[in-house]
Structure formats: structure tokens, C-alpha cells
Amino acid sequence: MAARRLMWVAWPAFLAAGMLEMLVFALVDPHDLHWLGRALDWSAMAVYTASFFAFWAVAMAGSALTLLLAAPEMVSGRPGD
């Protein structure tokens, strides 16, 4: 059951991170990014990778919060528990 709950969190977050990645980098050039006032000297692939994992982590936190706030029978998997 724990693996199923993990997939309830990870899979929708993965899809959301992929969509967010496409939307953000359709508008932002990774070579134009700055961090603390300095140009970010990463390759485009490094920026894409780091941002994807950051987006995934934020989306997983949102999915986990949804699971936490779900009805008890959703979390336990047994009705009336």
C-alpha cells in the first residue's frame, strides 16, 4: 500500500513538472538566467535538469499535502477506517 501511495504523489507530480518545464522554458532562455546578480554559468541541459527536479519537488509537496488532507478512507485504502 505504501508503494501505491507513493505513486499517488510521484506520478501526478512528475506530469505536472514536465508540463511546467515546457511552459517555463518556452518563454525563458536558460542562458539569460541570473542568480544573486551574477550570470548562471550552467549549460542549458544543467538548467533544464535542475529546474525539472525543483518543479517536481514542489509538485510532490502539493500532491503529498493533498493526500494528507484526503479523506481517511483514501489514505488507508479501507472504507470506514
C-alpha atoms as a PDB file:
ATOM      1  CA  MET A   1       0.000   0.000   0.000  1.00  0.00           C
ATOM      2  CA  ALA A   2       2.918   2.377   0.681  1.00  0.00           C
ATOM      3  CA  ALA A   3       4.152   1.991  -2.896  1.00  0.00           C
ATOM      4  CA  ARG A   4       0.684   2.818  -4.190  1.00  0.00           C
ATOM      5  CA  ARG A   5       0.510   5.962  -2.029  1.00  0.00           C
ATOM      6  CA  LEU A   6       3.969   6.982  -3.247  1.00  0.00           C
ATOM      7  CA  MET A   7       2.770   6.683  -6.829  1.00  0.00           C
ATOM      8  CA  TRP A   8      -0.323   8.753  -5.979  1.00  0.00           C
ATOM      9  CA  VAL A   9       2.131  11.504  -5.081  1.00  0.00           C
ATOM     10  CA  ALA A  10       5.018  10.989  -7.520  1.00  0.00           C
ATOM     11  CA  TRP A  11       3.251  10.294 -10.821  1.00  0.00           C
ATOM     12  CA  PRO A  12       0.930  13.342 -10.977  1.00  0.00           C
ATOM     13  CA  ALA A  13       3.822  15.485  -9.724  1.00  0.00           C
ATOM     14  CA  PHE A  14       6.054  14.127 -12.489  1.00  0.00           C
ATOM     15  CA  LEU A  15       3.470  15.014 -15.132  1.00  0.00           C
ATOM     16  CA  ALA A  16       2.951  18.478 -13.639  1.00  0.00           C
ATOM     17  CA  ALA A  17       6.710  19.103 -13.524  1.00  0.00           C
ATOM     18  CA  GLY A  18       7.043  18.107 -17.174  1.00  0.00           C
ATOM     19  CA  MET A  19       4.262  20.475 -18.217  1.00  0.00           C
ATOM     20  CA  LEU A  20       5.671  23.304 -16.100  1.00  0.00           C
ATOM     21  CA  GLU A  21       9.126  22.722 -17.569  1.00  0.00           C
ATOM     22  CA  MET A  22       7.752  23.059 -21.101  1.00  0.00           C
ATOM     23  CA  LEU A  23       5.779  26.186 -20.249  1.00  0.00           C
ATOM     24  CA  VAL A  24       8.618  27.960 -18.436  1.00  0.00           C
ATOM     25  CA  PHE A  25      11.314  27.238 -20.994  1.00  0.00           C
ATOM     26  CA  ALA A  26       9.054  28.133 -23.892  1.00  0.00           C
ATOM     27  CA  LEU A  27       9.311  31.669 -22.504  1.00  0.00           C
ATOM     28  CA  VAL A  28      12.718  31.729 -20.755  1.00  0.00           C
ATOM     29  CA  ASP A  29      16.142  31.211 -22.300  1.00  0.00           C
ATOM     30  CA  PRO A  30      18.346  29.293 -19.833  1.00  0.00           C
ATOM     31  CA  HIS A  31      21.403  31.309 -20.916  1.00  0.00           C
ATOM     32  CA  ASP A  32      19.722  34.551 -19.752  1.00  0.00           C
ATOM     33  CA  LEU A  33      19.256  33.392 -16.156  1.00  0.00           C
ATOM     34  CA  HIS A  34      20.981  35.154 -13.253  1.00  0.00           C
ATOM     35  CA  TRP A  35      21.458  34.018  -9.654  1.00  0.00           C
ATOM     36  CA  LEU A  36      22.217  36.579  -6.931  1.00  0.00           C
ATOM     37  CA  GLY A  37      23.063  39.207  -9.529  1.00  0.00           C
ATOM     38  CA  ARG A  38      25.532  37.038 -11.447  1.00  0.00           C
ATOM     39  CA  ALA A  39      25.064  35.175 -14.687  1.00  0.00           C
ATOM     40  CA  LEU A  40      24.366  31.487 -14.171  1.00  0.00           C
ATOM     41  CA  ASP A  41      27.282  29.685 -15.846  1.00  0.00           C
ATOM     42  CA  TRP A  42      25.499  26.365 -16.309  1.00  0.00           C
ATOM     43  CA  SER A  43      24.860  24.594 -19.559  1.00  0.00           C
ATOM     44  CA  ALA A  44      21.292  24.650 -20.861  1.00  0.00           C
ATOM     45  CA  MET A  45      20.916  20.945 -20.067  1.00  0.00           C
ATOM     46  CA  ALA A  46      22.015  21.523 -16.447  1.00  0.00           C
ATOM     47  CA  VAL A  47      19.447  24.320 -16.077  1.00  0.00           C
ATOM     48  CA  TYR A  48      16.709  22.138 -17.564  1.00  0.00           C
ATOM     49  CA  THR A  49      17.612  19.239 -15.278  1.00  0.00           C
ATOM     50  CA  ALA A  50      17.882  21.259 -12.066  1.00  0.00           C
ATOM     51  CA  SER A  51      14.669  23.133 -12.759  1.00  0.00           C
ATOM     52  CA  PHE A  52      12.787  19.925 -13.579  1.00  0.00           C
ATOM     53  CA  PHE A  53      13.773  18.387 -10.243  1.00  0.00           C
ATOM     54  CA  ALA A  54      12.878  21.614  -8.419  1.00  0.00           C
ATOM     55  CA  PHE A  55       9.470  21.699 -10.150  1.00  0.00           C
ATOM     56  CA  TRP A  56       8.979  18.007  -9.360  1.00  0.00           C
ATOM     57  CA  ALA A  57       9.805  18.539  -5.678  1.00  0.00           C
ATOM     58  CA  VAL A  58       7.305  21.398  -5.385  1.00  0.00           C
ATOM     59  CA  ALA A  59       4.614  19.420  -7.200  1.00  0.00           C
ATOM     60  CA  MET A  60       5.299  16.383  -4.993  1.00  0.00           C
ATOM     61  CA  ALA A  61       4.864  18.548  -1.906  1.00  0.00           C
ATOM     62  CA  GLY A  62       1.489  19.683  -3.237  1.00  0.00           C
ATOM     63  CA  SER A  63       0.440  16.120  -4.059  1.00  0.00           C
ATOM     64  CA  ALA A  64       1.572  14.891  -0.654  1.00  0.00           C
ATOM     65  CA  LEU A  65      -0.400  17.646   1.056  1.00  0.00           C
ATOM     66  CA  THR A  66      -3.475  16.645  -0.943  1.00  0.00           C
ATOM     67  CA  LEU A  67      -3.011  13.027   0.146  1.00  0.00           C
ATOM     68  CA  LEU A  68      -2.547  14.119   3.759  1.00  0.00           C
ATOM     69  CA  LEU A  69      -5.758  16.152   3.682  1.00  0.00           C
ATOM     70  CA  ALA A  70      -7.730  13.457   1.838  1.00  0.00           C
ATOM     71  CA  ALA A  71     -10.496  11.516   3.498  1.00  0.00           C
ATOM     72  CA  PRO A  72      -9.172   8.820   5.863  1.00  0.00           C
ATOM     73  CA  GLU A  73     -10.581   6.021   3.689  1.00  0.00           C
ATOM     74  CA  MET A  74      -8.494   7.283   0.757  1.00  0.00           C
ATOM     75  CA  VAL A  75      -5.293   7.116   2.779  1.00  0.00           C
ATOM     76  CA  SER A  76      -5.898   3.774   4.495  1.00  0.00           C
ATOM     77  CA  GLY A  77      -7.471   2.129   1.461  1.00  0.00           C
ATOM     78  CA  ARG A  78     -10.252   0.665   3.589  1.00  0.00           C
ATOM     79  CA  PRO A  79     -13.722   2.234   3.708  1.00  0.00           C
ATOM     80  CA  GLY A  80     -14.866   3.375   7.127  1.00  0.00           C
ATOM     81  CA  ASP A  81     -11.388   3.166   8.661  1.00  0.00           C
END
